[in-house]
Amino acid sequence: MLLGKVVGTVVASRKEPTLDGSTLLLVRGLDLDAKPTSTLVVAVDAVGAGVGEVVLYASGSSARQTEKTKDRPVDATIMAIVDQLEVDGAMKYIK
């Protein structure tokens, strides 16, 4: 899983039918200091995340391991909403 922050939404009125009803969010990668990286992905939201939230997301074949994304053409899925991030005893992020 990777660390990221939801920075926007994506609307696609025409898409693969198996993605109908899926929420697509724009996620920017974060480093371990919770600072933005250049990584930007569109991810299917499996947990009800919103813009501004720090999340864990999976990419590649791991992104298709949730009930919501099983056997669907997705390359990134938001799997968790982060409440806090601690690195080497230092709190880097608190919701």
N, C-alpha and C. Protein backbone atom coordinates (compact mmCIF):
# COMPACT_ATOMS: atom_id res chain seq x y z
N MET A 1 0.84 -1.18 0.00
CA MET A 1 0.00 0.00 0.00
C MET A 1 0.88 1.24 0.00
N LEU A 2 0.33 2.29 -0.54
CA LEU A 2 1.02 3.55 -0.67
C LEU A 2 0.26 4.63 0.08
N LEU A 3 0.97 5.66 0.50
CA LEU A 3 0.39 6.77 1.24
C LEU A 3 0.08 7.91 0.27
N GLY A 4 -1.10 8.51 0.39
CA GLY A 4 -1.47 9.61 -0.50
C GLY A 4 -2.51 10.51 0.14
N LYS A 5 -2.79 11.61 -0.55
CA LYS A 5 -3.82 12.55 -0.10
C LYS A 5 -4.78 12.78 -1.26
N VAL A 6 -6.07 12.73 -0.97
CA VAL A 6 -7.09 12.96 -2.00
C VAL A 6 -7.10 14.46 -2.30
N VAL A 7 -6.83 14.80 -3.56
CA VAL A 7 -6.74 16.21 -3.95
C VAL A 7 -7.84 16.63 -4.92
N GLY A 8 -8.66 15.69 -5.34
CA GLY A 8 -9.73 16.05 -6.26
C GLY A 8 -10.60 14.87 -6.64
N THR A 9 -11.57 15.16 -7.47
CA THR A 9 -12.49 14.13 -7.96
C THR A 9 -12.37 14.04 -9.47
N VAL A 10 -12.78 12.91 -10.01
CA VAL A 10 -12.78 12.70 -11.46
C VAL A 10 -14.18 12.26 -11.85
N VAL A 11 -14.74 12.91 -12.85
CA VAL A 11 -16.06 12.54 -13.36
C VAL A 11 -15.88 12.04 -14.79
N ALA A 12 -16.37 10.86 -15.04
CA ALA A 12 -16.33 10.28 -16.39
C ALA A 12 -17.73 9.78 -16.72
N SER A 13 -18.43 10.50 -17.57
CA SER A 13 -19.80 10.13 -17.88
C SER A 13 -19.88 8.87 -18.75
N ARG A 14 -18.82 8.60 -19.51
CA ARG A 14 -18.75 7.38 -20.32
C ARG A 14 -17.54 6.59 -19.86
N LYS A 15 -17.79 5.36 -19.43
CA LYS A 15 -16.71 4.51 -18.95
C LYS A 15 -17.11 3.05 -19.08
N GLU A 16 -16.15 2.16 -18.83
CA GLU A 16 -16.41 0.72 -18.81
C GLU A 16 -17.62 0.46 -17.90
N PRO A 17 -18.62 -0.26 -18.37
CA PRO A 17 -19.83 -0.49 -17.59
C PRO A 17 -19.59 -1.08 -16.19
N THR A 18 -18.54 -1.88 -16.00
CA THR A 18 -18.30 -2.45 -14.68
C THR A 18 -17.85 -1.39 -13.67
N LEU A 19 -17.52 -0.19 -14.15
CA LEU A 19 -17.13 0.90 -13.26
C LEU A 19 -18.29 1.83 -12.92
N ASP A 20 -19.47 1.58 -13.50
CA ASP A 20 -20.64 2.40 -13.18
C ASP A 20 -20.88 2.37 -11.68
N GLY A 21 -21.12 3.53 -11.10
CA GLY A 21 -21.37 3.63 -9.67
C GLY A 21 -20.11 3.78 -8.83
N SER A 22 -18.94 3.66 -9.44
CA SER A 22 -17.68 3.81 -8.72
C SER A 22 -17.33 5.28 -8.59
N THR A 23 -16.82 5.66 -7.42
CA THR A 23 -16.32 7.01 -7.21
C THR A 23 -14.85 7.03 -7.57
N LEU A 24 -14.47 7.98 -8.42
CA LEU A 24 -13.08 8.12 -8.85
C LEU A 24 -12.49 9.36 -8.19
N LEU A 25 -11.37 9.18 -7.50
CA LEU A 25 -10.73 10.29 -6.81
C LEU A 25 -9.30 10.46 -7.29
N LEU A 26 -8.82 11.69 -7.28
CA LEU A 26 -7.46 12.02 -7.68
C LEU A 26 -6.60 12.03 -6.41
N VAL A 27 -5.55 11.19 -6.41
CA VAL A 27 -4.71 11.02 -5.22
C VAL A 27 -3.28 11.43 -5.55
N ARG A 28 -2.71 12.30 -4.70
CA ARG A 28 -1.30 12.68 -4.83
C ARG A 28 -0.51 11.92 -3.77
N GLY A 29 0.59 11.30 -4.19
CA GLY A 29 1.43 10.55 -3.26
C GLY A 29 2.01 11.43 -2.16
N LEU A 30 2.29 10.82 -1.01
CA LEU A 30 2.92 11.51 0.12
C LEU A 30 4.16 10.73 0.53
N ASP A 31 5.17 11.46 1.02
CA ASP A 31 6.34 10.77 1.58
C ASP A 31 6.09 10.52 3.07
N LEU A 32 7.09 9.99 3.78
CA LEU A 32 6.90 9.64 5.20
C LEU A 32 6.81 10.85 6.12
N ASP A 33 7.07 12.03 5.59
CA ASP A 33 6.86 13.27 6.36
C ASP A 33 5.52 13.89 6.02
N ALA A 34 4.69 13.15 5.29
CA ALA A 34 3.37 13.60 4.84
C ALA A 34 3.48 14.80 3.91
N LYS A 35 4.59 14.89 3.19
CA LYS A 35 4.80 15.95 2.20
C LYS A 35 4.45 15.39 0.81
N PRO A 36 3.81 16.21 -0.04
CA PRO A 36 3.41 15.73 -1.37
C PRO A 36 4.60 15.34 -2.24
N THR A 37 4.38 14.31 -3.05
CA THR A 37 5.35 13.90 -4.06
C THR A 37 4.75 14.23 -5.42
N SER A 38 5.46 13.92 -6.47
CA SER A 38 4.95 14.21 -7.81
C SER A 38 3.97 13.15 -8.31
N THR A 39 3.83 12.04 -7.58
CA THR A 39 2.94 10.97 -8.00
C THR A 39 1.48 11.42 -7.94
N LEU A 40 0.76 11.21 -9.03
CA LEU A 40 -0.65 11.56 -9.10
C LEU A 40 -1.37 10.42 -9.80
N VAL A 41 -2.41 9.85 -9.14
CA VAL A 41 -3.14 8.73 -9.72
C VAL A 41 -4.64 8.94 -9.56
N VAL A 42 -5.39 8.31 -10.44
CA VAL A 42 -6.85 8.24 -10.30
C VAL A 42 -7.14 6.89 -9.64
N ALA A 43 -7.86 6.91 -8.53
CA ALA A 43 -8.13 5.69 -7.78
C ALA A 43 -9.63 5.52 -7.55
N VAL A 44 -10.08 4.28 -7.60
CA VAL A 44 -11.45 3.95 -7.22
C VAL A 44 -11.52 3.99 -5.70
N ASP A 45 -12.53 4.64 -5.17
CA ASP A 45 -12.69 4.75 -3.72
C ASP A 45 -13.51 3.58 -3.19
N ALA A 46 -12.89 2.75 -2.36
CA ALA A 46 -13.58 1.59 -1.79
C ALA A 46 -14.03 1.83 -0.35
N VAL A 47 -13.71 3.01 0.23
CA VAL A 47 -13.97 3.22 1.67
C VAL A 47 -14.71 4.50 2.01
N GLY A 48 -15.08 5.32 1.03
CA GLY A 48 -15.81 6.55 1.32
C GLY A 48 -14.92 7.72 1.69
N ALA A 49 -13.74 7.81 1.10
CA ALA A 49 -12.82 8.91 1.38
C ALA A 49 -13.33 10.19 0.70
N GLY A 50 -12.80 11.32 1.17
CA GLY A 50 -13.17 12.59 0.57
C GLY A 50 -11.96 13.45 0.30
N VAL A 51 -12.17 14.53 -0.42
CA VAL A 51 -11.08 15.45 -0.74
C VAL A 51 -10.46 15.99 0.54
N GLY A 52 -9.13 15.98 0.58
CA GLY A 52 -8.40 16.47 1.75
C GLY A 52 -7.96 15.38 2.71
N GLU A 53 -8.49 14.18 2.56
CA GLU A 53 -8.13 13.10 3.48
C GLU A 53 -6.85 12.40 3.05
N VAL A 54 -6.08 11.97 4.05
CA VAL A 54 -4.89 11.15 3.82
C VAL A 54 -5.36 9.71 3.77
N VAL A 55 -4.90 8.96 2.78
CA VAL A 55 -5.40 7.61 2.54
C VAL A 55 -4.25 6.64 2.26
N LEU A 56 -4.56 5.37 2.34
CA LEU A 56 -3.69 4.31 1.85
C LEU A 56 -4.34 3.78 0.58
N TYR A 57 -3.53 3.63 -0.46
CA TYR A 57 -4.07 3.09 -1.71
C TYR A 57 -3.14 2.00 -2.23
N ALA A 58 -3.73 1.10 -2.97
CA ALA A 58 -2.98 0.02 -3.59
C ALA A 58 -3.01 0.24 -5.09
N SER A 59 -1.94 -0.19 -5.76
CA SER A 59 -1.92 -0.07 -7.21
C SER A 59 -1.55 -1.40 -7.84
N GLY A 60 -1.73 -1.48 -9.14
CA GLY A 60 -1.45 -2.73 -9.85
C GLY A 60 -2.50 -3.79 -9.54
N SER A 61 -2.09 -5.05 -9.60
CA SER A 61 -3.04 -6.15 -9.39
C SER A 61 -3.64 -6.13 -7.98
N SER A 62 -2.94 -5.58 -7.01
CA SER A 62 -3.47 -5.48 -5.63
C SER A 62 -4.70 -4.59 -5.58
N ALA A 63 -4.82 -3.66 -6.50
CA ALA A 63 -5.97 -2.75 -6.53
C ALA A 63 -7.27 -3.48 -6.85
N ARG A 64 -7.16 -4.68 -7.38
CA ARG A 64 -8.37 -5.44 -7.76
C ARG A 64 -8.73 -6.50 -6.72
N GLN A 65 -8.29 -6.32 -5.48
CA GLN A 65 -8.52 -7.32 -4.44
C GLN A 65 -9.64 -6.94 -3.47
N THR A 66 -10.38 -5.88 -3.73
CA THR A 66 -11.51 -5.52 -2.86
C THR A 66 -12.80 -6.02 -3.49
N GLU A 67 -13.85 -6.11 -2.69
CA GLU A 67 -15.14 -6.51 -3.24
C GLU A 67 -15.61 -5.55 -4.32
N LYS A 68 -15.33 -4.26 -4.12
CA LYS A 68 -15.78 -3.24 -5.06
C LYS A 68 -15.03 -3.27 -6.39
N THR A 69 -13.79 -3.76 -6.38
CA THR A 69 -12.96 -3.70 -7.60
C THR A 69 -12.63 -5.06 -8.20
N LYS A 70 -13.09 -6.12 -7.61
CA LYS A 70 -12.78 -7.47 -8.10
C LYS A 70 -13.19 -7.61 -9.56
N ASP A 71 -12.24 -8.07 -10.38
CA ASP A 71 -12.46 -8.31 -11.81
C ASP A 71 -12.88 -7.06 -12.58
N ARG A 72 -12.46 -5.89 -12.09
CA ARG A 72 -12.74 -4.64 -12.80
C ARG A 72 -11.42 -4.03 -13.28
N PRO A 73 -11.46 -3.24 -14.33
CA PRO A 73 -10.23 -2.68 -14.91
C PRO A 73 -9.72 -1.45 -14.14
N VAL A 74 -9.20 -1.68 -12.94
CA VAL A 74 -8.67 -0.58 -12.13
C VAL A 74 -7.19 -0.81 -11.84
N ASP A 75 -6.46 0.29 -11.72
CA ASP A 75 -5.04 0.21 -11.42
C ASP A 75 -4.70 0.83 -10.07
N ALA A 76 -5.66 1.50 -9.43
CA ALA A 76 -5.44 2.06 -8.09
C ALA A 76 -6.76 2.07 -7.34
N THR A 77 -6.71 1.68 -6.06
CA THR A 77 -7.90 1.65 -5.21
C THR A 77 -7.56 2.20 -3.83
N ILE A 78 -8.40 3.11 -3.33
CA ILE A 78 -8.24 3.60 -1.97
C ILE A 78 -8.77 2.53 -1.04
N MET A 79 -7.89 2.04 -0.13
CA MET A 79 -8.22 0.93 0.76
C MET A 79 -8.46 1.34 2.21
N ALA A 80 -7.98 2.53 2.61
CA ALA A 80 -8.10 2.95 4.01
C ALA A 80 -7.97 4.46 4.11
N ILE A 81 -8.60 5.02 5.14
CA ILE A 81 -8.45 6.42 5.49
C ILE A 81 -7.54 6.47 6.71
N VAL A 82 -6.48 7.25 6.63
CA VAL A 82 -5.47 7.31 7.70
C VAL A 82 -5.93 8.23 8.82
N ASP A 83 -5.85 7.74 10.07
CA ASP A 83 -6.17 8.56 11.24
C ASP A 83 -4.91 9.23 11.79
N GLN A 84 -3.79 8.50 11.78
CA GLN A 84 -2.54 9.10 12.21
C GLN A 84 -1.37 8.35 11.58
N LEU A 85 -0.25 9.06 11.48
CA LEU A 85 0.96 8.49 10.90
C LEU A 85 2.12 8.79 11.84
N GLU A 86 2.76 7.74 12.34
CA GLU A 86 3.90 7.88 13.24
C GLU A 86 5.10 7.21 12.59
N VAL A 87 6.24 7.91 12.53
CA VAL A 87 7.46 7.38 11.93
C VAL A 87 8.59 7.54 12.94
N ASP A 88 9.22 6.44 13.32
CA ASP A 88 10.33 6.46 14.28
C ASP A 88 9.99 7.22 15.55
N GLY A 89 8.78 7.03 16.04
CA GLY A 89 8.36 7.65 17.29
C GLY A 89 7.88 9.08 17.16
N ALA A 90 7.96 9.66 15.96
CA ALA A 90 7.52 11.03 15.74
C ALA A 90 6.19 11.02 14.98
N MET A 91 5.22 11.79 15.51
CA MET A 91 3.92 11.89 14.88
C MET A 91 4.04 12.81 13.66
N LYS A 92 3.77 12.28 12.48
CA LYS A 92 3.89 13.02 11.23
C LYS A 92 2.55 13.55 10.74
N TYR A 93 1.47 12.89 11.16
CA TYR A 93 0.14 13.31 10.71
C TYR A 93 -0.89 12.84 11.72
N ILE A 94 -1.82 13.72 12.07
CA ILE A 94 -2.97 13.36 12.90
C ILE A 94 -4.20 13.97 12.23
N LYS A 95 -5.22 13.17 12.03
CA LYS A 95 -6.44 13.61 11.35
C LYS A 95 -7.15 14.66 12.18
